[in-house]
Amino acid sequence: MATLAAPSSSRPAEDQQRQAGLIQEIRMFWRQFFVAAFDPYRPELHYMRGPGPACRAKNSAENRASRSH
């Protein structure tokens, strides 16, 4: 009489754990992606450095023109 060797019971459990870990990684990736991609806070939009060289040149030209009159 031939006997069949049953596969070890830990194999399906390992596959389920691996699959659950993969699903968890995919979920974390998308969560982090959406947080980074759609973050409403953009500090560069609120950072004010003051007038630049173009503004100073324009104002100095206006000041020279107003003084000459």
PDB file of N, CA and C in Angstrom:
ATOM      1  N   MET A   1       0.839  -1.161   0.000  1.00  0.00           N
ATOM      2  CA  MET A   1       0.000   0.000   0.000  1.00  0.00           C
ATOM      3  C   MET A   1       0.892   1.234   0.000  1.00  0.00           C
ATOM      4  N   ALA A   2       0.561   2.162  -0.835  1.00  0.00           N
ATOM      5  CA  ALA A   2       1.351   3.399  -0.962  1.00  0.00           C
ATOM      6  C   ALA A   2       0.765   4.475  -0.055  1.00  0.00           C
ATOM      7  N   THR A   3       1.638   5.204   0.566  1.00  0.00           N
ATOM      8  CA  THR A   3       1.174   6.308   1.410  1.00  0.00           C
ATOM      9  C   THR A   3       1.541   7.622   0.745  1.00  0.00           C
ATOM     10  N   LEU A   4       0.670   8.551   0.907  1.00  0.00           N
ATOM     11  CA  LEU A   4       0.913   9.881   0.349  1.00  0.00           C
ATOM     12  C   LEU A   4       1.483  10.768   1.449  1.00  0.00           C
ATOM     13  N   ALA A   5       2.513  11.455   1.113  1.00  0.00           N
ATOM     14  CA  ALA A   5       3.102  12.378   2.085  1.00  0.00           C
ATOM     15  C   ALA A   5       2.370  13.706   1.990  1.00  0.00           C
ATOM     16  N   ALA A   6       1.829  14.122   3.083  1.00  0.00           N
ATOM     17  CA  ALA A   6       1.109  15.400   3.105  1.00  0.00           C
ATOM     18  C   ALA A   6       2.116  16.542   3.240  1.00  0.00           C
ATOM     19  N   PRO A   7       1.892  17.614   2.500  1.00  0.00           N
ATOM     20  CA  PRO A   7       2.804  18.749   2.646  1.00  0.00           C
ATOM     21  C   PRO A   7       2.701  19.339   4.050  1.00  0.00           C
ATOM     22  N   SER A   8       3.771  19.945   4.476  1.00  0.00           N
ATOM     23  CA  SER A   8       3.755  20.482   5.838  1.00  0.00           C
ATOM     24  C   SER A   8       2.709  21.582   5.957  1.00  0.00           C
ATOM     25  N   SER A   9       2.116  21.680   7.108  1.00  0.00           N
ATOM     26  CA  SER A   9       1.038  22.650   7.310  1.00  0.00           C
ATOM     27  C   SER A   9       1.557  24.076   7.439  1.00  0.00           C
ATOM     28  N   SER A  10       2.874  24.234   7.643  1.00  0.00           N
ATOM     29  CA  SER A  10       3.402  25.590   7.795  1.00  0.00           C
ATOM     30  C   SER A  10       3.538  26.293   6.442  1.00  0.00           C
ATOM     31  N   ARG A  11       3.542  25.564   5.361  1.00  0.00           N
ATOM     32  CA  ARG A  11       3.721  26.162   4.033  1.00  0.00           C
ATOM     33  C   ARG A  11       2.583  27.128   3.689  1.00  0.00           C
ATOM     34  N   PRO A  12       1.328  26.724   3.796  1.00  0.00           N
ATOM     35  CA  PRO A  12       0.249  27.680   3.503  1.00  0.00           C
ATOM     36  C   PRO A  12       0.251  28.870   4.481  1.00  0.00           C
ATOM     37  N   ALA A  13       0.614  28.622   5.705  1.00  0.00           N
ATOM     38  CA  ALA A  13       0.655  29.719   6.674  1.00  0.00           C
ATOM     39  C   ALA A  13       1.731  30.727   6.294  1.00  0.00           C
ATOM     40  N   GLU A  14       2.887  30.220   5.822  1.00  0.00           N
ATOM     41  CA  GLU A  14       3.960  31.125   5.385  1.00  0.00           C
ATOM     42  C   GLU A  14       3.511  31.938   4.175  1.00  0.00           C
ATOM     43  N   ASP A  15       2.823  31.290   3.244  1.00  0.00           N
ATOM     44  CA  ASP A  15       2.333  31.991   2.060  1.00  0.00           C
ATOM     45  C   ASP A  15       1.328  33.079   2.438  1.00  0.00           C
ATOM     46  N   GLN A  16       0.455  32.756   3.382  1.00  0.00           N
ATOM     47  CA  GLN A  16      -0.524  33.748   3.821  1.00  0.00           C
ATOM     48  C   GLN A  16       0.159  34.930   4.502  1.00  0.00           C
ATOM     49  N   GLN A  17       1.167  34.641   5.319  1.00  0.00           N
ATOM     50  CA  GLN A  17       1.886  35.723   5.993  1.00  0.00           C
ATOM     51  C   GLN A  17       2.632  36.582   4.976  1.00  0.00           C
ATOM     52  N   ARG A  18       3.257  35.946   4.009  1.00  0.00           N
ATOM     53  CA  ARG A  18       3.998  36.673   2.979  1.00  0.00           C
ATOM     54  C   ARG A  18       3.033  37.549   2.171  1.00  0.00           C
ATOM     55  N   GLN A  19       1.863  36.996   1.835  1.00  0.00           N
ATOM     56  CA  GLN A  19       0.874  37.731   1.066  1.00  0.00           C
ATOM     57  C   GLN A  19       0.318  38.889   1.889  1.00  0.00           C
ATOM     58  N   ALA A  20       0.072  38.661   3.162  1.00  0.00           N
ATOM     59  CA  ALA A  20      -0.422  39.733   4.026  1.00  0.00           C
ATOM     60  C   ALA A  20       0.631  40.830   4.168  1.00  0.00           C
ATOM     61  N   GLY A  21       1.898  40.443   4.266  1.00  0.00           N
ATOM     62  CA  GLY A  21       2.976  41.429   4.357  1.00  0.00           C
ATOM     63  C   GLY A  21       3.089  42.249   3.082  1.00  0.00           C
ATOM     64  N   LEU A  22       2.916  41.604   1.940  1.00  0.00           N
ATOM     65  CA  LEU A  22       2.969  42.306   0.657  1.00  0.00           C
ATOM     66  C   LEU A  22       1.817  43.288   0.539  1.00  0.00           C
ATOM     67  N   ILE A  23       0.639  42.854   0.917  1.00  0.00           N
ATOM     68  CA  ILE A  23      -0.529  43.738   0.873  1.00  0.00           C
ATOM     69  C   ILE A  23      -0.321  44.924   1.809  1.00  0.00           C
ATOM     70  N   GLN A  24       0.215  44.681   2.973  1.00  0.00           N
ATOM     71  CA  GLN A  24       0.485  45.758   3.936  1.00  0.00           C
ATOM     72  C   GLN A  24       1.501  46.741   3.365  1.00  0.00           C
ATOM     73  N   GLU A  25       2.550  46.231   2.700  1.00  0.00           N
ATOM     74  CA  GLU A  25       3.551  47.121   2.095  1.00  0.00           C
ATOM     75  C   GLU A  25       2.936  47.988   1.008  1.00  0.00           C
ATOM     76  N   ILE A  26       2.075  47.394   0.182  1.00  0.00           N
ATOM     77  CA  ILE A  26       1.417  48.149  -0.883  1.00  0.00           C
ATOM     78  C   ILE A  26       0.516  49.228  -0.298  1.00  0.00           C
ATOM     79  N   ARG A  27      -0.214  48.887   0.740  1.00  0.00           N
ATOM     80  CA  ARG A  27      -1.090  49.876   1.394  1.00  0.00           C
ATOM     81  C   ARG A  27      -0.290  51.019   1.998  1.00  0.00           C
ATOM     82  N   MET A  28       0.828  50.703   2.646  1.00  0.00           N
ATOM     83  CA  MET A  28       1.671  51.748   3.236  1.00  0.00           C
ATOM     84  C   MET A  28       2.277  52.642   2.156  1.00  0.00           C
ATOM     85  N   PHE A  29       2.691  52.045   1.030  1.00  0.00           N
ATOM     86  CA  PHE A  29       3.235  52.836  -0.060  1.00  0.00           C
ATOM     87  C   PHE A  29       2.217  53.846  -0.553  1.00  0.00           C
ATOM     88  N   TRP A  30       0.993  53.386  -0.836  1.00  0.00           N
ATOM     89  CA  TRP A  30      -0.022  54.296  -1.353  1.00  0.00           C
ATOM     90  C   TRP A  30      -0.415  55.350  -0.326  1.00  0.00           C
ATOM     91  N   ARG A  31      -0.469  54.976   0.937  1.00  0.00           N
ATOM     92  CA  ARG A  31      -0.802  55.940   1.977  1.00  0.00           C
ATOM     93  C   ARG A  31       0.261  57.039   2.028  1.00  0.00           C
ATOM     94  N   GLN A  32       1.536  56.638   2.028  1.00  0.00           N
ATOM     95  CA  GLN A  32       2.621  57.624   2.053  1.00  0.00           C
ATOM     96  C   GLN A  32       2.646  58.454   0.775  1.00  0.00           C
ATOM     97  N   PHE A  33       2.343  57.846  -0.363  1.00  0.00           N
ATOM     98  CA  PHE A  33       2.311  58.567  -1.627  1.00  0.00           C
ATOM     99  C   PHE A  33       1.244  59.653  -1.593  1.00  0.00           C
ATOM    100  N   PHE A  34       0.036  59.312  -1.150  1.00  0.00           N
ATOM    101  CA  PHE A  34      -1.034  60.300  -1.128  1.00  0.00           C
ATOM    102  C   PHE A  34      -0.764  61.402  -0.113  1.00  0.00           C
ATOM    103  N   VAL A  35      -0.166  61.062   1.002  1.00  0.00           N
ATOM    104  CA  VAL A  35       0.178  62.087   1.985  1.00  0.00           C
ATOM    105  C   VAL A  35       1.191  63.058   1.399  1.00  0.00           C
ATOM    106  N   ALA A  36       2.206  62.528   0.725  1.00  0.00           N
ATOM    107  CA  ALA A  36       3.249  63.382   0.145  1.00  0.00           C
ATOM    108  C   ALA A  36       2.739  64.155  -1.070  1.00  0.00           C
ATOM    109  N   ALA A  37       1.947  63.521  -1.906  1.00  0.00           N
ATOM    110  CA  ALA A  37       1.500  64.149  -3.145  1.00  0.00           C
ATOM    111  C   ALA A  37       0.432  65.204  -2.911  1.00  0.00           C
ATOM    112  N   PHE A  38      -0.406  65.020  -1.936  1.00  0.00           N
ATOM    113  CA  PHE A  38      -1.526  65.932  -1.737  1.00  0.00           C
ATOM    114  C   PHE A  38      -1.451  66.671  -0.407  1.00  0.00           C
ATOM    115  N   ASP A  39      -0.232  66.865   0.081  1.00  0.00           N
ATOM    116  CA  ASP A  39      -0.032  67.616   1.314  1.00  0.00           C
ATOM    117  C   ASP A  39      -0.352  69.086   1.039  1.00  0.00           C
ATOM    118  N   PRO A  40      -1.311  69.675   1.751  1.00  0.00           N
ATOM    119  CA  PRO A  40      -1.689  71.052   1.446  1.00  0.00           C
ATOM    120  C   PRO A  40      -0.665  72.096   1.896  1.00  0.00           C
ATOM    121  N   TYR A  41       0.239  71.761   2.787  1.00  0.00           N
ATOM    122  CA  TYR A  41       1.199  72.736   3.287  1.00  0.00           C
ATOM    123  C   TYR A  41       2.375  72.840   2.333  1.00  0.00           C
ATOM    124  N   ARG A  42       2.587  74.011   1.778  1.00  0.00           N
ATOM    125  CA  ARG A  42       3.709  74.253   0.873  1.00  0.00           C
ATOM    126  C   ARG A  42       4.484  75.444   1.403  1.00  0.00           C
ATOM    127  N   PRO A  43       5.518  75.231   2.204  1.00  0.00           N
ATOM    128  CA  PRO A  43       6.210  76.349   2.844  1.00  0.00           C
ATOM    129  C   PRO A  43       6.827  77.325   1.862  1.00  0.00           C
ATOM    130  N   GLU A  44       7.207  76.871   0.671  1.00  0.00           N
ATOM    131  CA  GLU A  44       7.825  77.792  -0.269  1.00  0.00           C
ATOM    132  C   GLU A  44       6.846  78.852  -0.761  1.00  0.00           C
ATOM    133  N   LEU A  45       5.553  78.580  -0.640  1.00  0.00           N
ATOM    134  CA  LEU A  45       4.565  79.574  -1.038  1.00  0.00           C
ATOM    135  C   LEU A  45       4.402  80.670   0.010  1.00  0.00           C
ATOM    136  N   HIS A  46       4.828  80.429   1.224  1.00  0.00           N
ATOM    137  CA  HIS A  46       4.644  81.382   2.311  1.00  0.00           C
ATOM    138  C   HIS A  46       5.937  82.079   2.714  1.00  0.00           C
ATOM    139  N   TYR A  47       7.020  81.717   2.090  1.00  0.00           N
ATOM    140  CA  TYR A  47       8.312  82.273   2.479  1.00  0.00           C
ATOM    141  C   TYR A  47       8.530  83.580   1.744  1.00  0.00           C
ATOM    142  N   MET A  48       8.638  84.669   2.474  1.00  0.00           N
ATOM    143  CA  MET A  48       8.812  85.997   1.885  1.00  0.00           C
ATOM    144  C   MET A  48      10.228  86.474   2.167  1.00  0.00           C
ATOM    145  N   ARG A  49      10.964  86.792   1.115  1.00  0.00           N
ATOM    146  CA  ARG A  49      12.337  87.241   1.290  1.00  0.00           C
ATOM    147  C   ARG A  49      12.478  88.748   1.166  1.00  0.00           C
ATOM    148  N   GLY A  50      11.494  89.430   0.689  1.00  0.00           N
ATOM    149  CA  GLY A  50      11.602  90.871   0.490  1.00  0.00           C
ATOM    150  C   GLY A  50      11.823  91.201  -0.970  1.00  0.00           C
ATOM    151  N   PRO A  51      11.939  92.489  -1.269  1.00  0.00           N
ATOM    152  CA  PRO A  51      12.087  92.897  -2.662  1.00  0.00           C
ATOM    153  C   PRO A  51      13.422  92.455  -3.249  1.00  0.00           C
ATOM    154  N   GLY A  52      13.396  92.092  -4.494  1.00  0.00           N
ATOM    155  CA  GLY A  52      14.599  91.636  -5.173  1.00  0.00           C
ATOM    156  C   GLY A  52      15.232  92.744  -5.982  1.00  0.00           C
ATOM    157  N   PRO A  53      16.243  92.407  -6.765  1.00  0.00           N
ATOM    158  CA  PRO A  53      16.974  93.416  -7.525  1.00  0.00           C
ATOM    159  C   PRO A  53      16.113  94.121  -8.573  1.00  0.00           C
ATOM    160  N   ALA A  54      15.164  93.445  -9.178  1.00  0.00           N
ATOM    161  CA  ALA A  54      14.310  94.080 -10.186  1.00  0.00           C
ATOM    162  C   ALA A  54      13.442  95.153  -9.543  1.00  0.00           C
ATOM    163  N   CYS A  55      12.930  94.861  -8.375  1.00  0.00           N
ATOM    164  CA  CYS A  55      12.100  95.845  -7.669  1.00  0.00           C
ATOM    165  C   CYS A  55      12.939  97.057  -7.272  1.00  0.00           C
ATOM    166  N   ARG A  56      14.144  96.821  -6.792  1.00  0.00           N
ATOM    167  CA  ARG A  56      15.018  97.938  -6.415  1.00  0.00           C
ATOM    168  C   ARG A  56      15.389  98.786  -7.624  1.00  0.00           C
ATOM    169  N   ALA A  57      15.663  98.168  -8.758  1.00  0.00           N
ATOM    170  CA  ALA A  57      16.007  98.919  -9.969  1.00  0.00           C
ATOM    171  C   ALA A  57      14.821  99.745 -10.443  1.00  0.00           C
ATOM    172  N   LYS A  58      13.648  99.184 -10.391  1.00  0.00           N
ATOM    173  CA  LYS A  58      12.449  99.908 -10.813  1.00  0.00           C
ATOM    174  C   LYS A  58      12.203 101.102  -9.894  1.00  0.00           C
ATOM    175  N   ASN A  59      12.288 100.880  -8.591  1.00  0.00           N
ATOM    176  CA  ASN A  59      12.044 101.967  -7.643  1.00  0.00           C
ATOM    177  C   ASN A  59      13.114 103.050  -7.738  1.00  0.00           C
ATOM    178  N   SER A  60      14.354 102.688  -7.961  1.00  0.00           N
ATOM    179  CA  SER A  60      15.397 103.703  -8.063  1.00  0.00           C
ATOM    180  C   SER A  60      15.211 104.520  -9.337  1.00  0.00           C
ATOM    181  N   ALA A  61      14.741 103.894 -10.435  1.00  0.00           N
ATOM    182  CA  ALA A  61      14.462 104.632 -11.668  1.00  0.00           C
ATOM    183  C   ALA A  61      13.300 105.591 -11.462  1.00  0.00           C
ATOM    184  N   GLU A  62      12.263 105.163 -10.749  1.00  0.00           N
ATOM    185  CA  GLU A  62      11.121 106.037 -10.457  1.00  0.00           C
ATOM    186  C   GLU A  62      11.545 107.198  -9.556  1.00  0.00           C
ATOM    187  N   ASN A  63      12.389 106.912  -8.571  1.00  0.00           N
ATOM    188  CA  ASN A  63      12.854 107.950  -7.663  1.00  0.00           C
ATOM    189  C   ASN A  63      13.695 108.981  -8.419  1.00  0.00           C
ATOM    190  N   ARG A  64      14.553 108.566  -9.329  1.00  0.00           N
ATOM    191  CA  ARG A  64      15.376 109.487 -10.117  1.00  0.00           C
ATOM    192  C   ARG A  64      14.504 110.357 -11.008  1.00  0.00           C
ATOM    193  N   ALA A  65      13.449 109.766 -11.594  1.00  0.00           N
ATOM    194  CA  ALA A  65      12.566 110.519 -12.481  1.00  0.00           C
ATOM    195  C   ALA A  65      11.763 111.539 -11.687  1.00  0.00           C
ATOM    196  N   SER A  66      11.322 111.194 -10.478  1.00  0.00           N
ATOM    197  CA  SER A  66      10.532 112.122  -9.675  1.00  0.00           C
ATOM    198  C   SER A  66      11.392 113.240  -9.120  1.00  0.00           C
ATOM    199  N   ARG A  67      12.667 113.001  -8.877  1.00  0.00           N
ATOM    200  CA  ARG A  67      13.569 114.034  -8.356  1.00  0.00           C
ATOM    201  C   ARG A  67      13.952 115.040  -9.435  1.00  0.00           C
ATOM    202  N   SER A  68      13.989 114.600 -10.692  1.00  0.00           N
ATOM    203  CA  SER A  68      14.415 115.503 -11.745  1.00  0.00           C
ATOM    204  C   SER A  68      13.322 116.501 -12.107  1.00  0.00           C
ATOM    205  N   HIS A  69      12.086 116.300 -11.715  1.00  0.00           N
ATOM    206  CA  HIS A  69      11.005 117.242 -12.022  1.00  0.00           C
ATOM    207  C   HIS A  69      10.915 118.283 -10.990  1.00  0.00           C
TER     208      HIS A  69
END
